[in-house]
Amino acid sequence: MVNSPRTSELDTQQPLVTPFVGAFLPELIEFRRTIHRYPELSFREHRTTDRIVERLEAAGLHPVRLTPTGCYVDIGQGPIAVALRADIDALPIQEETGLEFASANEGVMHACGHDIHQTVMLGVALTLADLNASTPLAGTVRVIFQPGEEKLPGGALACIEQGALKGVPRAFALHCEPKVDVGQVGTRIGPITSATDTIKLQVQGRGGHTSRPHLTEDLIFAMSQIAINVPAVLSRSIDARAGVLVVWGQIEAGVAPNAIPGAGYLAGTMRCLDAEAWYRAGERLDKVVEQVAAPYGVEVELEHVPGVPPVVNTETETTLLENAARAELGEESVVLVEQSMGGEDFAWMLQEVPGSMMRLGTRVPGGITYDLHRPDYIADERAIECGVRVMAATALRSIQFETRLR
């Protein structure tokens, strides 16, 4: 067995890319604002993809288009040392920021920061291409612009199926974090996001008059018991440390106060902090729903849509990323972040190769703490420069790391 070099042996002090990023910043800010103004939903990011491809080609690069949307591009020469991934889709949310470049597409908004993500990775590609032109890189960096992250089970699977990870030894990504100040990045070894599934229940009964619930199935009462007890029973069927969480987002039934309806609908999500427990919870869910509904005589049809496993950051790759951040942004720039209960399909890529996702601080220091997926989410654009510096430096350190492995 070949002994791997410790990441601490790599140079952690000297900035590798900071002097080269500044020239691209005005263009990147303008690019981000254009993307933000014209957001596109999952797997419909045609114009977004065109904008990315056109700029990469203008830099002399040769991006490869993915189907139906998205692309990837290689910079450097020799074996691939690392892949960097950005997601490019927006959400079906009506924007309420009041920004001059607010969304012009009705009901669609970059409320999760994907406009920042893709702008950062475009900046990384341009910076590395510039560096490679003057001093050829000792390995190849692949930058992936991935569609459909917001639509489970996620566009990462399509990227993998189309060969975007072929020959890739490790992968990195970033995600905006409105609870961390700009100039800082959040990291964590191990799971940094949650597994996320969608649960849909169709409930059927005979219906009847509210004065005679004993003559029919009291559907509303049955649905209320399902809504309360399925999360409770499931959480007690799985180790509590796994953090299984079922939360309903939709409950629909009935049209009149004195009529028991014959049909109802519940939908929500099941989240889990542990990958193994995620599989077990999925297997248990059918039985739990059946047991809870049985006393009330209703028929329940369950649609369980598996989503994504947790993003699990590996120690070596997280250390590479942290070293890059400290060198580029300063010793105090790296903070420990809590594990998020949100889902993220970069997890599929980390099922294939080791890697790490960092949280990019987007909060104005001393300013408002927003949340993602909110119509008023505003990111401090200074985060773009921070993201480019850290991710480009991570790529260069990955090349160093791969070279020492050979």
Protein backbone atom coordinates (compact mmCIF):
# COMPACT_ATOMS: atom_id res chain seq x y z
CA MET A 1 0.00 0.00 0.00
CA VAL A 2 1.26 3.48 -0.90
CA ASN A 3 1.41 5.86 2.05
CA SER A 4 -0.61 9.00 1.37
CA PRO A 5 1.08 12.31 2.16
CA ARG A 6 -0.50 14.19 5.04
CA THR A 7 -2.38 17.27 3.90
CA SER A 8 -0.55 19.20 6.63
CA GLU A 9 2.65 18.68 4.61
CA LEU A 10 1.28 20.94 1.88
CA ASP A 11 2.06 24.64 2.03
CA THR A 12 -0.76 26.19 4.09
CA GLN A 13 0.63 29.71 4.43
CA GLN A 14 1.17 31.23 1.00
CA PRO A 15 -1.82 32.49 -1.01
CA LEU A 16 -1.82 30.76 -4.37
CA VAL A 17 -4.51 32.66 -6.28
CA THR A 18 -5.36 35.93 -4.51
CA PRO A 19 -3.10 38.08 -6.75
CA PHE A 20 -4.80 36.75 -9.91
CA VAL A 21 -8.50 37.04 -9.07
CA GLY A 22 -9.06 40.80 -8.98
CA ALA A 23 -9.07 41.36 -12.72
CA PHE A 24 -12.19 39.21 -13.13
CA LEU A 25 -14.27 40.60 -10.26
CA PRO A 26 -16.20 43.40 -12.06
CA GLU A 27 -17.17 40.97 -14.81
CA LEU A 28 -18.18 38.30 -12.30
CA ILE A 29 -20.42 40.72 -10.39
CA GLU A 30 -22.15 41.66 -13.64
CA PHE A 31 -22.46 38.00 -14.64
CA ARG A 32 -24.05 37.13 -11.28
CA ARG A 33 -26.56 39.97 -11.58
CA THR A 34 -27.58 38.83 -15.05
CA ILE A 35 -28.04 35.26 -13.87
CA HIS A 36 -30.02 36.48 -10.86
CA ARG A 37 -32.27 38.61 -13.06
CA TYR A 38 -33.04 35.73 -15.42
CA PRO A 39 -33.34 32.61 -13.25
CA GLU A 40 -34.45 29.27 -14.68
CA LEU A 41 -36.01 26.24 -13.01
CA SER A 42 -34.50 22.77 -12.73
CA PHE A 43 -33.55 21.15 -16.05
CA ARG A 44 -34.78 24.25 -17.90
CA GLU A 45 -31.53 26.22 -17.45
CA HIS A 46 -30.97 26.59 -21.21
CA ARG A 47 -30.06 30.28 -21.35
CA THR A 48 -28.06 29.96 -18.13
CA THR A 49 -26.04 27.13 -19.69
CA ASP A 50 -25.56 29.16 -22.87
CA ARG A 51 -24.16 32.11 -20.90
CA ILE A 52 -21.69 29.88 -19.07
CA VAL A 53 -20.58 28.07 -22.25
CA GLU A 54 -20.16 31.30 -24.20
CA ARG A 55 -17.91 32.83 -21.54
CA LEU A 56 -15.80 29.69 -21.18
CA GLU A 57 -15.35 29.46 -24.95
CA ALA A 58 -14.38 33.15 -25.06
CA ALA A 59 -11.57 32.26 -22.64
CA GLY A 60 -10.29 29.63 -25.07
CA LEU A 61 -11.72 26.69 -23.13
CA HIS A 62 -13.74 23.78 -24.51
CA PRO A 63 -16.80 23.10 -22.35
CA VAL A 64 -18.79 19.90 -22.81
CA ARG A 65 -22.56 20.31 -22.73
CA LEU A 66 -24.67 17.95 -20.64
CA THR A 67 -28.22 16.80 -21.41
CA PRO A 68 -30.63 18.52 -21.13
CA THR A 69 -28.74 21.40 -19.52
CA GLY A 70 -25.49 22.13 -17.71
CA CYS A 71 -21.89 21.59 -18.78
CA TYR A 72 -18.39 20.88 -17.56
CA VAL A 73 -14.97 22.13 -18.58
CA ASP A 74 -11.41 20.91 -18.04
CA ILE A 75 -8.48 23.24 -17.35
CA GLY A 76 -4.87 22.07 -17.35
CA GLN A 77 -3.22 18.95 -18.68
CA GLY A 78 -2.56 15.41 -17.55
CA PRO A 79 -4.76 13.30 -15.28
CA ILE A 80 -7.73 14.91 -13.57
CA ALA A 81 -6.76 15.95 -10.05
CA VAL A 82 -10.10 17.30 -8.83
CA ALA A 83 -13.65 18.24 -9.79
CA LEU A 84 -15.37 21.40 -8.55
CA ARG A 85 -19.16 21.48 -8.78
CA ALA A 86 -21.68 24.34 -8.88
CA ASP A 87 -25.46 24.02 -9.22
CA ILE A 88 -27.24 26.41 -11.58
CA ASP A 89 -31.03 26.10 -11.11
CA ALA A 90 -33.45 28.44 -9.36
CA LEU A 91 -36.60 27.97 -7.27
CA PRO A 92 -40.33 28.57 -7.94
CA ILE A 93 -40.44 31.55 -5.56
CA GLN A 94 -41.63 35.10 -6.21
CA GLU A 95 -38.76 37.45 -5.35
CA GLU A 96 -39.28 40.18 -2.73
CA THR A 97 -35.78 41.65 -2.36
CA GLY A 98 -36.31 44.96 -4.10
CA LEU A 99 -32.90 44.65 -5.76
CA GLU A 100 -32.29 46.54 -8.99
CA PHE A 101 -31.46 43.22 -10.62
CA ALA A 102 -34.35 41.29 -9.05
CA SER A 103 -35.84 38.44 -11.03
CA ALA A 104 -37.61 39.39 -14.23
CA ASN A 105 -39.10 35.90 -14.51
CA GLU A 106 -42.41 35.81 -12.69
CA GLY A 107 -42.48 33.30 -9.85
CA VAL A 108 -38.86 32.20 -10.26
CA MET A 109 -35.95 33.29 -8.05
CA HIS A 110 -32.39 32.38 -7.10
CA ALA A 111 -33.39 32.08 -3.44
CA CYS A 112 -30.78 29.45 -2.59
CA GLY A 113 -27.67 31.21 -3.87
CA HIS A 114 -27.07 29.12 -6.97
CA ASP A 115 -26.40 32.33 -8.89
CA ILE A 116 -23.47 32.88 -6.50
CA HIS A 117 -22.34 29.25 -6.80
CA GLN A 118 -22.08 29.26 -10.59
CA THR A 119 -20.50 32.71 -10.65
CA VAL A 120 -17.81 31.54 -8.21
CA MET A 121 -17.04 28.48 -10.32
CA LEU A 122 -16.97 30.52 -13.51
CA GLY A 123 -14.45 32.77 -11.77
CA VAL A 124 -12.43 29.70 -10.74
CA ALA A 125 -12.38 28.43 -14.33
CA LEU A 126 -11.29 31.82 -15.71
CA THR A 127 -8.63 32.27 -13.01
CA LEU A 128 -7.19 28.79 -13.51
CA ALA A 129 -7.24 29.21 -17.29
CA ASP A 130 -5.28 32.45 -16.89
CA LEU A 131 -2.78 30.76 -14.57
CA ASN A 132 -2.48 27.76 -16.89
CA ALA A 133 -1.70 30.01 -19.84
CA SER A 134 1.32 31.49 -18.04
CA THR A 135 2.44 28.48 -16.00
CA PRO A 136 0.89 25.18 -17.13
CA LEU A 137 -0.89 23.33 -14.34
CA ALA A 138 0.57 19.98 -13.36
CA GLY A 139 -2.85 18.34 -13.54
CA THR A 140 -6.39 18.90 -14.80
CA VAL A 141 -9.19 20.61 -12.92
CA ARG A 142 -12.75 19.80 -13.97
CA VAL A 143 -15.41 22.42 -13.22
CA ILE A 144 -18.98 21.09 -13.36
CA PHE A 145 -22.00 23.35 -13.81
CA GLN A 146 -24.80 21.04 -12.70
CA PRO A 147 -28.53 21.42 -13.43
CA GLY A 148 -31.48 20.39 -11.35
CA GLU A 149 -30.22 20.35 -7.77
CA GLU A 150 -33.59 21.53 -6.46
CA LYS A 151 -35.55 18.68 -8.06
CA LEU A 152 -35.17 15.36 -6.20
CA PRO A 153 -33.32 13.09 -6.59
CA GLY A 154 -31.18 15.80 -8.19
CA GLY A 155 -29.26 16.55 -11.35
CA ALA A 156 -26.01 15.21 -9.90
CA LEU A 157 -27.16 11.72 -10.91
CA ALA A 158 -27.52 12.80 -14.54
CA CYS A 159 -24.03 14.35 -14.44
CA ILE A 160 -22.58 11.11 -13.10
CA GLU A 161 -24.43 9.04 -15.72
CA GLN A 162 -23.02 11.28 -18.46
CA GLY A 163 -19.43 10.78 -17.28
CA ALA A 164 -18.77 14.04 -15.49
CA LEU A 165 -16.95 12.18 -12.70
CA LYS A 166 -15.06 9.76 -14.93
CA GLY A 167 -11.40 9.74 -13.88
CA VAL A 168 -12.06 12.19 -11.01
CA PRO A 169 -10.26 11.27 -7.74
CA ARG A 170 -12.00 13.83 -5.48
CA ALA A 171 -14.67 16.53 -5.65
CA PHE A 172 -15.49 19.80 -3.89
CA ALA A 173 -18.50 22.09 -3.81
CA LEU A 174 -19.70 25.16 -1.96
CA HIS A 175 -23.06 26.38 -0.73
CA CYS A 176 -24.10 29.86 0.38
CA GLU A 177 -24.55 30.21 4.14
CA PRO A 178 -26.52 33.30 5.25
CA LYS A 179 -25.71 32.61 8.93
CA VAL A 180 -21.95 33.02 8.36
CA ASP A 181 -20.31 36.42 7.71
CA VAL A 182 -18.79 37.19 4.34
CA GLY A 183 -15.04 36.55 4.51
CA GLN A 184 -15.55 33.30 6.39
CA VAL A 185 -16.29 29.73 5.32
CA GLY A 186 -17.95 27.00 7.32
CA THR A 187 -16.65 23.44 7.27
CA ARG A 188 -17.33 20.16 9.01
CA ILE A 189 -15.83 16.67 8.81
CA GLY A 190 -18.52 13.99 8.40
CA PRO A 191 -22.16 14.65 7.49
CA ILE A 192 -22.80 18.33 6.77
CA THR A 193 -26.32 17.95 5.32
CA SER A 194 -29.25 15.63 5.89
CA ALA A 195 -30.84 12.85 3.84
CA THR A 196 -34.10 14.11 2.39
CA ASP A 197 -37.11 12.20 1.02
CA THR A 198 -40.60 13.25 -0.07
CA ILE A 199 -43.66 11.50 1.39
CA LYS A 200 -47.12 11.68 -0.22
CA LEU A 201 -50.24 10.01 1.24
CA GLN A 202 -53.62 9.61 -0.47
CA VAL A 203 -56.27 8.78 2.16
CA GLN A 204 -59.66 7.33 1.15
CA GLY A 205 -62.95 6.75 3.03
CA ARG A 206 -66.68 6.66 2.27
CA GLY A 207 -67.46 10.17 3.44
CA GLY A 208 -70.61 11.18 5.29
CA HIS A 209 -72.31 13.66 7.61
CA THR A 210 -70.40 15.15 10.56
CA SER A 211 -73.39 14.30 12.80
CA ARG A 212 -72.89 10.57 12.15
CA PRO A 213 -69.13 9.82 12.12
CA HIS A 214 -69.86 6.33 13.48
CA LEU A 215 -71.52 5.38 10.18
CA THR A 216 -68.46 6.10 8.06
CA GLU A 217 -64.70 6.57 8.30
CA ASP A 218 -63.96 9.87 10.02
CA LEU A 219 -61.35 10.83 7.43
CA ILE A 220 -60.28 14.16 8.91
CA PHE A 221 -59.76 12.61 12.34
CA ALA A 222 -57.83 9.72 10.77
CA MET A 223 -55.63 12.15 8.85
CA SER A 224 -54.91 14.12 12.03
CA GLN A 225 -53.77 10.93 13.76
CA ILE A 226 -51.58 10.00 10.80
CA ALA A 227 -50.06 13.50 10.77
CA ILE A 228 -49.23 13.33 14.49
CA ASN A 229 -48.38 9.68 15.01
CA VAL A 230 -46.41 8.67 11.92
CA PRO A 231 -43.54 11.04 12.87
CA ALA A 232 -43.78 9.95 16.52
CA VAL A 233 -43.79 6.19 15.87
CA LEU A 234 -41.10 6.37 13.19
CA SER A 235 -38.78 8.41 15.43
CA ARG A 236 -39.09 5.70 18.09
CA SER A 237 -38.34 2.93 15.61
CA ILE A 238 -34.92 4.34 14.69
CA ASP A 239 -31.96 5.28 16.91
CA ALA A 240 -32.67 8.82 18.14
CA ARG A 241 -29.08 9.84 17.36
CA ALA A 242 -29.88 9.42 13.65
CA GLY A 243 -32.18 12.44 13.84
CA VAL A 244 -35.13 11.09 11.80
CA LEU A 245 -37.56 13.96 11.23
CA VAL A 246 -40.91 13.86 9.40
CA VAL A 247 -42.60 17.23 8.82
CA TRP A 248 -45.78 17.78 6.82
CA GLY A 249 -45.98 20.65 4.34
CA GLN A 250 -49.44 19.91 2.87
CA ILE A 251 -52.70 18.63 4.35
CA GLU A 252 -55.78 18.93 2.17
CA ALA A 253 -59.32 17.56 2.62
CA GLY A 254 -62.93 18.65 2.72
CA VAL A 255 -65.07 21.42 1.26
CA ALA A 256 -67.80 21.93 3.90
CA PRO A 257 -67.81 22.18 7.73
CA ASN A 258 -70.64 19.61 8.10
CA ALA A 259 -69.43 16.98 5.61
CA ILE A 260 -66.86 14.27 6.24
CA PRO A 261 -64.86 14.07 3.02
CA GLY A 262 -64.13 10.85 1.19
CA ALA A 263 -60.56 11.70 0.22
CA GLY A 264 -57.61 13.60 1.61
CA TYR A 265 -53.96 14.25 0.93
CA LEU A 266 -50.86 14.68 3.09
CA ALA A 267 -47.38 15.47 1.85
CA GLY A 268 -44.12 16.27 3.57
CA THR A 269 -40.49 15.37 3.93
CA MET A 270 -38.52 12.81 5.88
CA ARG A 271 -35.03 13.88 6.86
CA CYS A 272 -32.26 11.93 8.53
CA LEU A 273 -28.74 12.82 9.68
CA ASP A 274 -27.27 9.35 9.18
CA ALA A 275 -27.03 7.48 5.87
CA GLU A 276 -27.54 3.97 7.29
CA ALA A 277 -30.51 5.09 9.38
CA TRP A 278 -31.93 6.75 6.26
CA TYR A 279 -32.19 3.37 4.55
CA ARG A 280 -33.75 1.75 7.63
CA ALA A 281 -36.28 4.56 8.05
CA GLY A 282 -37.34 4.19 4.42
CA GLU A 283 -37.91 0.48 4.93
CA ARG A 284 -39.96 1.10 8.11
CA LEU A 285 -42.13 3.90 6.74
CA ASP A 286 -44.69 1.67 4.93
CA LYS A 287 -45.32 -0.43 8.03
CA VAL A 288 -45.63 2.58 10.32
CA VAL A 289 -48.20 4.28 8.05
CA GLU A 290 -50.20 1.05 7.84
CA GLN A 291 -50.17 0.54 11.62
CA VAL A 292 -51.20 4.12 12.43
CA ALA A 293 -54.05 4.19 9.88
CA ALA A 294 -55.48 0.73 10.64
CA PRO A 295 -57.75 1.60 13.63
CA TYR A 296 -59.64 4.19 11.60
CA GLY A 297 -60.66 2.02 8.65
CA VAL A 298 -59.32 4.34 5.97
CA GLU A 299 -57.34 3.23 2.97
CA VAL A 300 -53.93 4.86 2.57
CA GLU A 301 -51.77 4.88 -0.52
CA LEU A 302 -48.17 5.89 0.22
CA GLU A 303 -45.81 7.36 -2.35
CA HIS A 304 -42.32 7.49 -0.89
CA VAL A 305 -39.93 9.37 -3.18
CA PRO A 306 -36.32 8.74 -2.12
CA GLY A 307 -34.31 11.93 -2.28
CA VAL A 308 -30.64 12.26 -1.44
CA PRO A 309 -28.32 10.82 1.22
CA PRO A 310 -26.33 13.14 3.50
CA VAL A 311 -23.28 14.96 2.15
CA VAL A 312 -20.44 13.33 4.08
CA ASN A 313 -17.21 15.37 4.07
CA THR A 314 -14.03 13.29 4.21
CA GLU A 315 -11.21 14.36 6.52
CA THR A 316 -8.40 14.63 3.95
CA GLU A 317 -10.42 16.72 1.50
CA THR A 318 -11.87 18.95 4.22
CA THR A 319 -8.35 19.64 5.47
CA LEU A 320 -7.25 20.56 1.95
CA LEU A 321 -10.15 23.00 1.73
CA GLU A 322 -9.52 24.52 5.16
CA ASN A 323 -5.81 25.00 4.38
CA ALA A 324 -6.75 26.82 1.19
CA ALA A 325 -9.23 29.06 3.01
CA ARG A 326 -6.79 30.02 5.76
CA ALA A 327 -4.06 30.84 3.27
CA GLU A 328 -6.33 32.96 1.07
CA LEU A 329 -8.67 34.58 3.63
CA GLY A 330 -6.75 34.44 6.91
CA GLU A 331 -6.33 32.15 9.91
CA GLU A 332 -9.70 33.12 11.42
CA SER A 333 -11.66 32.54 8.23
CA VAL A 334 -12.65 28.92 8.91
CA VAL A 335 -15.53 28.26 11.30
CA LEU A 336 -17.23 25.03 12.35
CA VAL A 337 -20.83 24.87 11.12
CA GLU A 338 -23.65 22.71 12.40
CA GLN A 339 -25.03 19.88 10.32
CA SER A 340 -27.90 21.17 8.21
CA MET A 341 -31.24 19.35 8.03
CA GLY A 342 -31.45 20.46 4.40
CA GLY A 343 -30.77 18.07 1.54
CA GLU A 344 -28.11 18.53 -1.16
CA ASP A 345 -27.58 16.27 -4.17
CA PHE A 346 -23.79 16.77 -4.15
CA ALA A 347 -24.16 13.77 -1.83
CA TRP A 348 -24.49 11.52 -4.89
CA MET A 349 -21.07 12.64 -6.13
CA LEU A 350 -19.55 11.89 -2.73
CA GLN A 351 -21.02 8.39 -2.97
CA GLU A 352 -18.63 7.98 -5.93
CA VAL A 353 -15.49 9.84 -4.79
CA PRO A 354 -14.19 11.44 -1.58
CA GLY A 355 -14.70 15.15 -1.21
CA SER A 356 -16.00 18.06 0.80
CA MET A 357 -18.58 20.83 0.65
CA MET A 358 -17.96 24.15 2.36
CA ARG A 359 -20.48 26.77 3.42
CA LEU A 360 -19.66 30.17 1.91
CA GLY A 361 -20.48 33.07 4.22
CA THR A 362 -22.86 35.57 2.56
CA ARG A 363 -24.03 37.66 5.55
CA VAL A 364 -23.07 41.31 5.79
CA PRO A 365 -21.14 41.51 9.10
CA GLY A 366 -23.56 42.95 11.62
CA GLY A 367 -26.36 42.79 9.08
CA ILE A 368 -29.56 40.81 8.68
CA THR A 369 -29.45 37.02 9.02
CA TYR A 370 -31.58 35.68 6.20
CA ASP A 371 -32.56 32.09 5.50
CA LEU A 372 -32.31 30.17 2.25
CA HIS A 373 -35.44 29.59 0.13
CA ARG A 374 -36.89 32.87 1.35
CA PRO A 375 -38.19 35.45 -1.14
CA ASP A 376 -36.15 38.21 0.57
CA TYR A 377 -32.76 36.42 0.66
CA ILE A 378 -29.93 38.81 -0.22
CA ALA A 379 -26.29 37.71 -0.43
CA ASP A 380 -23.31 40.01 0.09
CA GLU A 381 -21.62 39.99 -3.33
CA ARG A 382 -18.18 40.17 -1.72
CA ALA A 383 -18.67 36.45 -1.12
CA ILE A 384 -17.96 35.86 -4.81
CA GLU A 385 -14.32 36.89 -4.51
CA CYS A 386 -13.92 34.81 -1.34
CA GLY A 387 -15.41 31.78 -3.04
CA VAL A 388 -13.20 32.08 -6.12
CA ARG A 389 -10.06 32.44 -4.02
CA VAL A 390 -10.81 29.46 -1.80
CA MET A 391 -12.06 27.08 -4.48
CA ALA A 392 -9.27 27.90 -6.96
CA ALA A 393 -6.69 27.47 -4.20
CA THR A 394 -8.31 24.18 -3.21
CA ALA A 395 -7.97 23.00 -6.81
CA LEU A 396 -4.27 23.93 -6.89
CA ARG A 397 -3.64 22.17 -3.61
CA SER A 398 -5.44 19.12 -4.94
CA ILE A 399 -3.06 19.07 -7.88
CA GLN A 400 -0.14 19.22 -5.44
CA PHE A 401 -1.69 16.42 -3.43
CA GLU A 402 -2.23 14.19 -6.48
CA THR A 403 1.31 14.84 -7.69
CA ARG A 404 2.73 13.62 -4.37
CA LEU A 405 0.54 10.52 -4.52
CA ARG A 406 2.03 9.48 -7.86
